[in-house]
PDB file of N, CA and C in Angstrom:
ATOM      1  N   UNK A   1     -80.224 -53.720 -18.220  1.00  0.00           N
ATOM      2  CA  UNK A   1     -80.688 -55.061 -18.566  1.00  0.00           C
ATOM      3  C   UNK A   1     -81.882 -55.089 -17.973  1.00  0.00           C
ATOM      4  N   UNK A   2     -82.743 -55.347 -18.376  1.00  0.00           N
ATOM      5  CA  UNK A   2     -84.499 -55.774 -17.589  1.00  0.00           C
ATOM      6  C   UNK A   2     -84.420 -57.082 -17.140  1.00  0.00           C
ATOM      7  N   UNK A   3     -85.831 -57.117 -16.794  1.00  0.00           N
ATOM      8  CA  UNK A   3     -86.091 -58.289 -16.291  1.00  0.00           C
ATOM      9  C   UNK A   3     -86.209 -59.467 -16.881  1.00  0.00           C
ATOM     10  N   UNK A   4     -86.561 -59.250 -18.303  1.00  0.00           N
ATOM     11  CA  UNK A   4     -86.705 -60.139 -18.904  1.00  0.00           C
ATOM     12  C   UNK A   4     -85.417 -60.797 -19.548  1.00  0.00           C
ATOM     13  N   UNK A   5     -84.396 -59.993 -19.982  1.00  0.00           N
ATOM     14  CA  UNK A   5     -82.905 -60.453 -20.348  1.00  0.00           C
ATOM     15  C   UNK A   5     -82.453 -60.947 -19.124  1.00  0.00           C
ATOM     16  N   UNK A   6     -82.615 -60.769 -17.950  1.00  0.00           N
ATOM     17  CA  UNK A   6     -82.447 -61.563 -16.771  1.00  0.00           C
ATOM     18  C   UNK A   6     -82.546 -62.883 -16.596  1.00  0.00           C
ATOM     19  N   UNK A   7     -84.127 -63.112 -16.699  1.00  0.00           N
ATOM     20  CA  UNK A   7     -84.889 -64.191 -16.916  1.00  0.00           C
ATOM     21  C   UNK A   7     -84.543 -65.220 -18.030  1.00  0.00           C
ATOM     22  N   UNK A   8     -84.039 -64.526 -19.044  1.00  0.00           N
ATOM     23  CA  UNK A   8     -83.635 -65.585 -20.032  1.00  0.00           C
ATOM     24  C   UNK A   8     -82.146 -65.785 -19.591  1.00  0.00           C
ATOM     25  N   UNK A   9     -81.241 -65.189 -18.930  1.00  0.00           N
ATOM     26  CA  UNK A   9     -79.976 -65.717 -18.458  1.00  0.00           C
ATOM     27  C   UNK A   9     -80.439 -66.571 -17.493  1.00  0.00           C
ATOM     28  N   UNK A  10     -81.211 -66.456 -16.598  1.00  0.00           N
ATOM     29  CA  UNK A  10     -81.238 -67.404 -15.509  1.00  0.00           C
ATOM     30  C   UNK A  10     -81.805 -68.650 -16.065  1.00  0.00           C
ATOM     31  N   UNK A  11     -82.686 -68.601 -17.413  1.00  0.00           N
ATOM     32  CA  UNK A  11     -83.203 -69.993 -18.086  1.00  0.00           C
ATOM     33  C   UNK A  11     -81.678 -70.611 -18.626  1.00  0.00           C
ATOM     34  N   UNK A  12     -80.903 -69.638 -19.439  1.00  0.00           N
ATOM     35  CA  UNK A  12     -80.066 -70.328 -19.932  1.00  0.00           C
ATOM     36  C   UNK A  12     -78.842 -71.084 -18.878  1.00  0.00           C
ATOM     37  N   UNK A  13     -78.774 -70.161 -17.883  1.00  0.00           N
ATOM     38  CA  UNK A  13     -77.895 -70.859 -16.684  1.00  0.00           C
ATOM     39  C   UNK A  13     -78.772 -72.434 -16.075  1.00  0.00           C
ATOM     40  N   UNK A  14     -79.950 -72.313 -16.130  1.00  0.00           N
ATOM     41  CA  UNK A  14     -80.818 -73.797 -15.838  1.00  0.00           C
ATOM     42  C   UNK A  14     -80.486 -74.727 -16.693  1.00  0.00           C
ATOM     43  N   UNK A  15     -80.416 -74.219 -18.063  1.00  0.00           N
ATOM     44  CA  UNK A  15     -79.994 -75.330 -19.028  1.00  0.00           C
ATOM     45  C   UNK A  15     -78.398 -75.722 -18.888  1.00  0.00           C
ATOM     46  N   UNK A  16     -77.289 -75.021 -18.521  1.00  0.00           N
ATOM     47  CA  UNK A  16     -76.149 -75.446 -18.328  1.00  0.00           C
ATOM     48  C   UNK A  16     -76.121 -76.226 -17.100  1.00  0.00           C
ATOM     49  N   UNK A  17     -76.800 -75.879 -16.332  1.00  0.00           N
ATOM     50  CA  UNK A  17     -76.590 -76.424 -15.012  1.00  0.00           C
ATOM     51  C   UNK A  17     -77.085 -77.923 -15.329  1.00  0.00           C
ATOM     52  N   UNK A  18     -77.993 -78.213 -16.010  1.00  0.00           N
ATOM     53  CA  UNK A  18     -78.850 -79.849 -16.295  1.00  0.00           C
ATOM     54  C   UNK A  18     -77.534 -80.465 -16.995  1.00  0.00           C
ATOM     55  N   UNK A  19     -76.851 -79.742 -18.016  1.00  0.00           N
ATOM     56  CA  UNK A  19     -75.983 -80.458 -18.643  1.00  0.00           C
ATOM     57  C   UNK A  19     -74.860 -80.573 -18.013  1.00  0.00           C
ATOM     58  N   UNK A  20     -74.792 -80.168 -16.878  1.00  0.00           N
ATOM     59  CA  UNK A  20     -73.327 -80.194 -16.029  1.00  0.00           C
ATOM     60  C   UNK A  20     -72.018 -79.215 -16.157  1.00  0.00           C
ATOM     61  N   UNK A  21     -72.295 -78.195 -16.936  1.00  0.00           N
ATOM     62  CA  UNK A  21     -71.632 -77.444 -17.226  1.00  0.00           C
ATOM     63  C   UNK A  21     -71.199 -76.372 -16.140  1.00  0.00           C
ATOM     64  N   UNK A  22     -71.742 -76.167 -15.389  1.00  0.00           N
ATOM     65  CA  UNK A  22     -71.891 -75.085 -14.495  1.00  0.00           C
ATOM     66  C   UNK A  22     -72.301 -75.801 -12.887  1.00  0.00           C
ATOM     67  N   UNK A  23     -71.709 -75.000 -12.014  1.00  0.00           N
ATOM     68  CA  UNK A  23     -72.100 -75.310 -10.426  1.00  0.00           C
ATOM     69  C   UNK A  23     -73.571 -74.549 -10.155  1.00  0.00           C
ATOM     70  N   UNK A  24     -74.138 -75.088  -9.255  1.00  0.00           N
ATOM     71  CA  UNK A  24     -75.273 -74.413  -8.678  1.00  0.00           C
ATOM     72  C   UNK A  24     -74.918 -73.246  -8.119  1.00  0.00           C
ATOM     73  N   UNK A  25     -75.753 -72.194  -8.104  1.00  0.00           N
ATOM     74  CA  UNK A  25     -75.308 -70.952  -7.265  1.00  0.00           C
ATOM     75  C   UNK A  25     -76.134 -70.975  -6.186  1.00  0.00           C
ATOM     76  N   UNK A  26     -75.451 -70.744  -4.932  1.00  0.00           N
ATOM     77  CA  UNK A  26     -75.746 -70.803  -3.687  1.00  0.00           C
ATOM     78  C   UNK A  26     -76.344 -69.558  -3.370  1.00  0.00           C
ATOM     79  N   UNK A  27     -77.307 -69.835  -2.158  1.00  0.00           N
ATOM     80  CA  UNK A  27     -77.675 -68.591  -1.705  1.00  0.00           C
ATOM     81  C   UNK A  27     -76.580 -67.536  -1.250  1.00  0.00           C
ATOM     82  N   UNK A  28     -76.050 -67.977  -0.346  1.00  0.00           N
ATOM     83  CA  UNK A  28     -74.666 -67.388   0.499  1.00  0.00           C
ATOM     84  C   UNK A  28     -73.929 -66.739  -0.473  1.00  0.00           C
ATOM     85  N   UNK A  29     -73.457 -67.364  -1.860  1.00  0.00           N
ATOM     86  CA  UNK A  29     -72.963 -66.586  -2.385  1.00  0.00           C
ATOM     87  C   UNK A  29     -73.630 -65.143  -2.954  1.00  0.00           C
ATOM     88  N   UNK A  30     -74.910 -65.291  -3.548  1.00  0.00           N
ATOM     89  CA  UNK A  30     -75.511 -63.962  -3.750  1.00  0.00           C
ATOM     90  C   UNK A  30     -75.813 -63.277  -2.427  1.00  0.00           C
ATOM     91  N   UNK A  31     -75.871 -63.579  -1.670  1.00  0.00           N
ATOM     92  CA  UNK A  31     -75.924 -62.824   0.072  1.00  0.00           C
ATOM     93  C   UNK A  31     -74.404 -61.970  -0.303  1.00  0.00           C
ATOM     94  N   UNK A  32     -73.290 -62.799  -0.349  1.00  0.00           N
ATOM     95  CA  UNK A  32     -72.052 -62.384  -0.025  1.00  0.00           C
ATOM     96  C   UNK A  32     -72.022 -60.841  -0.715  1.00  0.00           C
ATOM     97  N   UNK A  33     -72.397 -61.028  -2.381  1.00  0.00           N
ATOM     98  CA  UNK A  33     -72.159 -60.100  -3.282  1.00  0.00           C
ATOM     99  C   UNK A  33     -73.457 -58.913  -2.686  1.00  0.00           C
ATOM    100  N   UNK A  34     -74.444 -59.305  -2.611  1.00  0.00           N
ATOM    101  CA  UNK A  34     -75.175 -58.144  -1.600  1.00  0.00           C
ATOM    102  C   UNK A  34     -74.603 -57.423  -0.612  1.00  0.00           C
ATOM    103  N   UNK A  35     -73.708 -57.800   0.257  1.00  0.00           N
ATOM    104  CA  UNK A  35     -73.283 -57.155   1.126  1.00  0.00           C
ATOM    105  C   UNK A  35     -71.986 -56.345   0.810  1.00  0.00           C
ATOM    106  N   UNK A  36     -71.124 -56.944  -0.349  1.00  0.00           N
ATOM    107  CA  UNK A  36     -70.611 -55.859  -0.877  1.00  0.00           C
ATOM    108  C   UNK A  36     -71.379 -54.851  -1.598  1.00  0.00           C
ATOM    109  N   UNK A  37     -72.474 -55.112  -2.262  1.00  0.00           N
ATOM    110  CA  UNK A  37     -72.869 -53.746  -2.734  1.00  0.00           C
ATOM    111  C   UNK A  37     -73.609 -53.075  -1.759  1.00  0.00           C
ATOM    112  N   UNK A  38     -74.179 -53.350  -0.772  1.00  0.00           N
ATOM    113  CA  UNK A  38     -74.489 -52.334   0.211  1.00  0.00           C
ATOM    114  C   UNK A  38     -73.440 -51.521   0.898  1.00  0.00           C
ATOM    115  N   UNK A  39     -72.191 -51.979   1.036  1.00  0.00           N
ATOM    116  CA  UNK A  39     -71.090 -51.325   1.170  1.00  0.00           C
ATOM    117  C   UNK A  39     -70.448 -50.304  -0.016  1.00  0.00           C
ATOM    118  N   UNK A  40     -70.721 -50.732  -1.068  1.00  0.00           N
ATOM    119  CA  UNK A  40     -70.028 -49.798  -1.843  1.00  0.00           C
ATOM    120  C   UNK A  40     -71.306 -48.711  -1.925  1.00  0.00           C
ATOM    121  N   UNK A  41     -72.380 -48.931  -1.925  1.00  0.00           N
ATOM    122  CA  UNK A  41     -73.284 -48.102  -1.853  1.00  0.00           C
ATOM    123  C   UNK A  41     -73.092 -46.731  -0.938  1.00  0.00           C
ATOM    124  N   UNK A  42     -72.885 -47.336   0.569  1.00  0.00           N
ATOM    125  CA  UNK A  42     -72.897 -46.476   1.626  1.00  0.00           C
ATOM    126  C   UNK A  42     -71.747 -45.723   1.014  1.00  0.00           C
ATOM    127  N   UNK A  43     -70.445 -45.961   0.742  1.00  0.00           N
ATOM    128  CA  UNK A  43     -69.433 -45.504   0.583  1.00  0.00           C
ATOM    129  C   UNK A  43     -69.654 -44.286  -0.318  1.00  0.00           C
ATOM    130  N   UNK A  44     -70.359 -44.733  -1.741  1.00  0.00           N
ATOM    131  CA  UNK A  44     -70.884 -43.751  -2.724  1.00  0.00           C
ATOM    132  C   UNK A  44     -71.651 -42.306  -2.250  1.00  0.00           C
ATOM    133  N   UNK A  45     -72.845 -42.964  -1.324  1.00  0.00           N
ATOM    134  CA  UNK A  45     -73.541 -41.891  -0.608  1.00  0.00           C
ATOM    135  C   UNK A  45     -72.848 -40.952   0.355  1.00  0.00           C
ATOM    136  N   UNK A  46     -71.830 -41.675   0.581  1.00  0.00           N
ATOM    137  CA  UNK A  46     -70.968 -40.337   1.740  1.00  0.00           C
ATOM    138  C   UNK A  46     -70.213 -39.768   0.783  1.00  0.00           C
ATOM    139  N   UNK A  47     -69.702 -40.541  -0.196  1.00  0.00           N
ATOM    140  CA  UNK A  47     -68.708 -39.698  -0.905  1.00  0.00           C
ATOM    141  C   UNK A  47     -69.404 -38.272  -1.613  1.00  0.00           C
ATOM    142  N   UNK A  48     -70.647 -38.992  -2.108  1.00  0.00           N
ATOM    143  CA  UNK A  48     -71.763 -37.573  -3.108  1.00  0.00           C
ATOM    144  C   UNK A  48     -71.886 -36.686  -1.804  1.00  0.00           C
ATOM    145  N   UNK A  49     -72.115 -36.787  -0.332  1.00  0.00           N
ATOM    146  CA  UNK A  49     -72.380 -35.878   0.402  1.00  0.00           C
ATOM    147  C   UNK A  49     -71.020 -34.809   0.764  1.00  0.00           C
ATOM    148  N   UNK A  50     -69.795 -35.729   0.593  1.00  0.00           N
ATOM    149  CA  UNK A  50     -68.982 -34.688   0.723  1.00  0.00           C
ATOM    150  C   UNK A  50     -68.333 -33.854   0.029  1.00  0.00           C
ATOM    151  N   UNK A  51     -68.455 -34.078  -1.138  1.00  0.00           N
ATOM    152  CA  UNK A  51     -67.817 -33.548  -2.601  1.00  0.00           C
ATOM    153  C   UNK A  51     -68.834 -32.514  -2.612  1.00  0.00           C
ATOM    154  N   UNK A  52     -68.428 -31.141  -3.158  1.00  0.00           N
ATOM    155  CA  UNK A  52     -68.843 -30.257  -3.719  1.00  0.00           C
ATOM    156  C   UNK A  52     -68.549 -30.167  -5.014  1.00  0.00           C
ATOM    157  N   UNK A  53     -68.190 -30.735  -5.866  1.00  0.00           N
ATOM    158  CA  UNK A  53     -67.780 -30.719  -7.335  1.00  0.00           C
ATOM    159  C   UNK A  53     -69.038 -31.098  -7.876  1.00  0.00           C
ATOM    160  N   UNK A  54     -69.677 -30.510  -8.806  1.00  0.00           N
ATOM    161  CA  UNK A  54     -71.124 -31.261  -9.270  1.00  0.00           C
ATOM    162  C   UNK A  54     -70.710 -32.211 -10.359  1.00  0.00           C
ATOM    163  N   UNK A  55     -69.819 -32.140 -11.083  1.00  0.00           N
ATOM    164  CA  UNK A  55     -69.479 -32.932 -11.981  1.00  0.00           C
ATOM    165  C   UNK A  55     -68.986 -34.492 -11.667  1.00  0.00           C
ATOM    166  N   UNK A  56     -68.549 -34.128 -10.279  1.00  0.00           N
ATOM    167  CA  UNK A  56     -68.146 -35.196  -9.946  1.00  0.00           C
ATOM    168  C   UNK A  56     -69.184 -36.169  -9.160  1.00  0.00           C
ATOM    169  N   UNK A  57     -70.211 -35.406  -8.630  1.00  0.00           N
ATOM    170  CA  UNK A  57     -71.251 -35.801  -7.828  1.00  0.00           C
ATOM    171  C   UNK A  57     -72.343 -36.462  -9.162  1.00  0.00           C
ATOM    172  N   UNK A  58     -72.161 -35.946 -10.077  1.00  0.00           N
ATOM    173  CA  UNK A  58     -73.018 -36.730 -11.335  1.00  0.00           C
ATOM    174  C   UNK A  58     -72.387 -37.904 -11.662  1.00  0.00           C
ATOM    175  N   UNK A  59     -71.150 -38.377 -11.599  1.00  0.00           N
ATOM    176  CA  UNK A  59     -70.474 -39.090 -11.779  1.00  0.00           C
ATOM    177  C   UNK A  59     -70.917 -40.373 -10.964  1.00  0.00           C
ATOM    178  N   UNK A  60     -70.783 -39.899  -9.587  1.00  0.00           N
ATOM    179  CA  UNK A  60     -71.065 -40.914  -8.266  1.00  0.00           C
ATOM    180  C   UNK A  60     -72.410 -41.268  -8.465  1.00  0.00           C
ATOM    181  N   UNK A  61     -73.490 -40.098  -8.597  1.00  0.00           N
ATOM    182  CA  UNK A  61     -74.722 -40.495  -8.554  1.00  0.00           C
ATOM    183  C   UNK A  61     -75.147 -41.379  -9.915  1.00  0.00           C
ATOM    184  N   UNK A  62     -74.122 -41.593 -10.786  1.00  0.00           N
ATOM    185  CA  UNK A  62     -74.570 -42.556 -11.860  1.00  0.00           C
ATOM    186  C   UNK A  62     -74.186 -43.988 -11.531  1.00  0.00           C
ATOM    187  N   UNK A  63     -72.971 -43.903 -10.664  1.00  0.00           N
ATOM    188  CA  UNK A  63     -72.243 -45.219 -10.391  1.00  0.00           C
ATOM    189  C   UNK A  63     -73.372 -45.591  -9.127  1.00  0.00           C
ATOM    190  N   UNK A  64     -73.743 -45.053  -8.333  1.00  0.00           N
ATOM    191  CA  UNK A  64     -74.619 -45.324  -7.241  1.00  0.00           C
ATOM    192  C   UNK A  64     -76.040 -46.088  -7.874  1.00  0.00           C
ATOM    193  N   UNK A  65     -76.650 -45.548  -8.938  1.00  0.00           N
ATOM    194  CA  UNK A  65     -77.709 -45.757  -9.702  1.00  0.00           C
ATOM    195  C   UNK A  65     -77.494 -47.606 -10.319  1.00  0.00           C
ATOM    196  N   UNK A  66     -76.263 -47.649 -10.907  1.00  0.00           N
ATOM    197  CA  UNK A  66     -75.626 -48.818 -11.203  1.00  0.00           C
ATOM    198  C   UNK A  66     -75.581 -49.914  -9.905  1.00  0.00           C
ATOM    199  N   UNK A  67     -74.930 -49.534  -8.777  1.00  0.00           N
ATOM    200  CA  UNK A  67     -75.060 -50.658  -8.109  1.00  0.00           C
ATOM    201  C   UNK A  67     -76.200 -51.038  -7.151  1.00  0.00           C
ATOM    202  N   UNK A  68     -77.204 -49.839  -7.404  1.00  0.00           N
ATOM    203  CA  UNK A  68     -78.545 -50.111  -6.480  1.00  0.00           C
ATOM    204  C   UNK A  68     -79.406 -51.155  -7.728  1.00  0.00           C
ATOM    205  N   UNK A  69     -79.183 -50.836  -8.958  1.00  0.00           N
ATOM    206  CA  UNK A  69     -79.749 -51.600 -10.118  1.00  0.00           C
ATOM    207  C   UNK A  69     -79.176 -53.301  -9.950  1.00  0.00           C
ATOM    208  N   UNK A  70     -77.703 -53.266  -9.333  1.00  0.00           N
ATOM    209  CA  UNK A  70     -77.445 -54.569  -9.099  1.00  0.00           C
ATOM    210  C   UNK A  70     -77.777 -55.450  -7.847  1.00  0.00           C
ATOM    211  N   UNK A  71     -78.106 -54.406  -6.618  1.00  0.00           N
ATOM    212  CA  UNK A  71     -78.642 -54.896  -5.928  1.00  0.00           C
ATOM    213  C   UNK A  71     -80.165 -55.310  -6.118  1.00  0.00           C
ATOM    214  N   UNK A  72     -80.907 -54.728  -6.592  1.00  0.00           N
ATOM    215  CA  UNK A  72     -82.262 -55.251  -7.243  1.00  0.00           C
ATOM    216  C   UNK A  72     -82.188 -56.574  -8.051  1.00  0.00           C
ATOM    217  N   UNK A  73     -81.457 -56.610  -8.845  1.00  0.00           N
ATOM    218  CA  UNK A  73     -80.644 -57.881  -9.664  1.00  0.00           C
ATOM    219  C   UNK A  73     -80.554 -59.109  -8.458  1.00  0.00           C
ATOM    220  N   UNK A  74     -79.907 -58.887  -7.622  1.00  0.00           N
ATOM    221  CA  UNK A  74     -79.125 -59.766  -6.708  1.00  0.00           C
ATOM    222  C   UNK A  74     -80.317 -60.487  -6.143  1.00  0.00           C
ATOM    223  N   UNK A  75     -81.237 -59.380  -5.624  1.00  0.00           N
ATOM    224  CA  UNK A  75     -82.530 -59.835  -4.546  1.00  0.00           C
ATOM    225  C   UNK A  75     -83.508 -60.620  -5.716  1.00  0.00           C
ATOM    226  N   UNK A  76     -83.761 -60.171  -6.565  1.00  0.00           N
ATOM    227  CA  UNK A  76     -84.621 -61.038  -7.617  1.00  0.00           C
ATOM    228  C   UNK A  76     -83.732 -62.331  -7.977  1.00  0.00           C
ATOM    229  N   UNK A  77     -82.504 -62.757  -8.003  1.00  0.00           N
ATOM    230  CA  UNK A  77     -81.466 -63.794  -8.479  1.00  0.00           C
ATOM    231  C   UNK A  77     -82.176 -64.857  -7.044  1.00  0.00           C
ATOM    232  N   UNK A  78     -81.918 -64.043  -6.030  1.00  0.00           N
ATOM    233  CA  UNK A  78     -81.850 -64.798  -4.455  1.00  0.00           C
ATOM    234  C   UNK A  78     -83.322 -65.159  -4.625  1.00  0.00           C
ATOM    235  N   UNK A  79     -84.448 -64.694  -5.008  1.00  0.00           N
ATOM    236  CA  UNK A  79     -85.742 -65.557  -5.153  1.00  0.00           C
ATOM    237  C   UNK A  79     -86.012 -66.145  -5.819  1.00  0.00           C
ATOM    238  N   UNK A  80     -85.502 -66.132  -7.328  1.00  0.00           N
ATOM    239  CA  UNK A  80     -85.324 -67.372  -8.031  1.00  0.00           C
ATOM    240  C   UNK A  80     -84.885 -68.708  -7.428  1.00  0.00           C
ATOM    241  N   UNK A  81     -83.400 -68.574  -6.912  1.00  0.00           N
ATOM    242  CA  UNK A  81     -82.715 -69.583  -6.456  1.00  0.00           C
ATOM    243  C   UNK A  81     -83.305 -70.654  -5.148  1.00  0.00           C
ATOM    244  N   UNK A  82     -84.256 -69.788  -4.136  1.00  0.00           N
ATOM    245  CA  UNK A  82     -84.459 -70.110  -3.024  1.00  0.00           C
ATOM    246  C   UNK A  82     -85.606 -70.732  -3.143  1.00  0.00           C
TER     247      UNK A  82
END
């Protein structure tokens, strides 16, 4: 998901927020998710370093890339809601 789609989702969220259908996202919620993502990335990096299986390394690297993308999204969202 690119930044454009993410921005569209935030706009939809803001519309729902104005209609009273959702609660406001709090910065603490995003920070909690960021901490979980940092922990997950550290675990994946350690597992990549420990494994000798190239297939497993490939799968773990894909998971790590996804976790990094989610961390970037969380940072972007935190900037938008603060």
